[in-house]
Amino acid sequence: MVGLLPLTTLKAHAASFDCDAKELKPDEKAICDNRALNDADVKMVTTFDLLSGLMAMGARGDLQEAQAAWLKKRQSCNGDVACLKAAYEERLAQLAESYKNINRPL
């Protein structure tokens, strides 16, 4: 069919970093190359950004510190897809718990 690109030429773009960067770390390369990990990255960064906007300054700082620690953990997975998947599942669960614990007006 004319005008259709083969799916193999479409490159995934993760939300938290540029998949077109010249020097990707092993974890980033695995995320860019794996649709499920890419989707998890998009969900994680979107959830993180949403939470950051809802939290007070002190709690936001704690959230940012936890995110930085999690990124180091993710990087330690290198290109291990199972490790990365588990890291995203854990972080998304932590972010969901943070959302549940946001102080809301009555």
Protein backbone atom coordinates (compact mmCIF):
# COMPACT_ATOMS: atom_id res chain seq x y z
CA MET A 1 0.00 0.00 0.00
CA VAL A 2 1.30 3.40 -0.89
CA GLY A 3 1.94 5.83 1.95
CA LEU A 4 2.26 3.29 4.74
CA LEU A 5 5.55 3.06 6.61
CA PRO A 6 6.71 -0.25 7.95
CA LEU A 7 6.27 -0.36 11.71
CA THR A 8 9.92 -1.20 12.18
CA THR A 9 10.98 2.26 11.02
CA LEU A 10 8.97 4.07 13.66
CA LYS A 11 11.10 4.89 16.68
CA ALA A 12 9.55 5.17 20.13
CA HIS A 13 10.12 8.37 22.05
CA ALA A 14 10.23 8.13 25.81
CA ALA A 15 8.83 11.02 27.78
CA SER A 16 11.68 11.50 30.24
CA PHE A 17 14.59 11.65 27.78
CA ASP A 18 15.42 12.01 24.08
CA CYS A 19 15.61 8.65 22.30
CA ASP A 20 17.43 10.38 19.45
CA ALA A 21 20.34 11.47 21.67
CA LYS A 22 23.71 10.32 20.37
CA GLU A 23 24.85 8.61 23.56
CA LEU A 24 22.05 6.79 25.32
CA LYS A 25 22.74 4.88 28.51
CA PRO A 26 21.94 1.14 28.38
CA ASP A 27 18.68 1.59 30.34
CA GLU A 28 17.57 4.41 28.04
CA LYS A 29 18.36 2.39 24.92
CA ALA A 30 16.33 -0.57 26.25
CA ILE A 31 13.41 1.75 27.03
CA CYS A 32 13.52 3.31 23.57
CA ASP A 33 13.67 -0.12 21.94
CA ASN A 34 10.84 -1.70 23.96
CA ARG A 35 7.29 -0.41 23.50
CA ALA A 36 6.05 -1.62 26.91
CA LEU A 37 8.96 0.07 28.70
CA ASN A 38 8.44 3.21 26.64
CA ASP A 39 4.77 3.25 27.63
CA ALA A 40 5.73 2.75 31.29
CA ASP A 41 8.17 5.66 31.02
CA VAL A 42 5.48 7.91 29.56
CA LYS A 43 3.05 6.93 32.33
CA MET A 44 5.68 7.40 35.04
CA VAL A 45 6.82 10.85 33.93
CA THR A 46 3.24 12.01 33.34
CA THR A 47 2.20 10.81 36.80
CA PHE A 48 5.29 12.35 38.38
CA ASP A 49 4.62 15.72 36.70
CA LEU A 50 0.97 15.66 37.79
CA LEU A 51 1.89 14.87 41.38
CA SER A 52 4.59 17.55 41.43
CA GLY A 53 1.97 20.14 40.56
CA LEU A 54 -0.40 18.97 43.29
CA MET A 55 2.07 18.84 46.17
CA ALA A 56 3.22 21.55 48.54
CA MET A 57 6.85 22.66 48.26
CA GLY A 58 8.25 20.40 51.02
CA ALA A 59 6.48 17.31 49.76
CA ARG A 60 7.47 18.19 46.20
CA GLY A 61 11.13 18.23 47.25
CA ASP A 62 10.73 14.80 48.83
CA LEU A 63 9.08 13.53 45.65
CA GLN A 64 11.94 14.89 43.54
CA GLU A 65 14.56 13.27 45.80
CA ALA A 66 12.74 9.93 45.58
CA GLN A 67 12.62 10.29 41.79
CA ALA A 68 16.37 10.95 41.60
CA ALA A 69 17.03 7.86 43.75
CA TRP A 70 14.71 5.80 41.56
CA LEU A 71 16.49 6.97 38.39
CA LYS A 72 19.78 5.67 39.82
CA LYS A 73 18.07 2.35 40.51
CA ARG A 74 16.69 2.28 36.96
CA GLN A 75 20.14 2.99 35.55
CA SER A 76 21.57 0.08 37.56
CA CYS A 77 19.34 -2.24 35.51
CA ASN A 78 21.43 -1.40 32.44
CA GLY A 79 19.61 -3.00 29.50
CA ASP A 80 17.88 -5.77 31.51
CA VAL A 81 14.26 -5.52 30.37
CA ALA A 82 12.87 -7.57 33.28
CA CYS A 83 14.72 -5.39 35.80
CA LEU A 84 13.49 -2.22 34.09
CA LYS A 85 9.92 -3.50 34.01
CA ALA A 86 10.07 -4.27 37.73
CA ALA A 87 11.58 -0.84 38.45
CA TYR A 88 8.76 0.93 36.61
CA GLU A 89 6.09 -1.18 38.31
CA GLU A 90 7.60 -0.33 41.69
CA ARG A 91 7.88 3.39 40.94
CA LEU A 92 4.36 3.63 39.55
CA ALA A 93 3.05 1.94 42.71
CA GLN A 94 5.00 4.44 44.84
CA LEU A 95 3.59 7.36 42.87
CA ALA A 96 0.05 5.96 43.20
CA GLU A 97 0.56 5.73 46.96
CA SER A 98 1.84 9.32 47.04
CA TYR A 99 -1.31 10.42 45.23
CA LYS A 100 -3.49 8.67 47.80
CA ASN A 101 -1.66 10.48 50.59
CA ILE A 102 -1.96 14.04 49.23
CA ASN A 103 -3.62 16.35 51.75
CA ARG A 104 -6.92 17.42 50.26
CA PRO A 105 -9.37 20.02 51.49
CA LEU A 106 -12.47 18.56 53.08
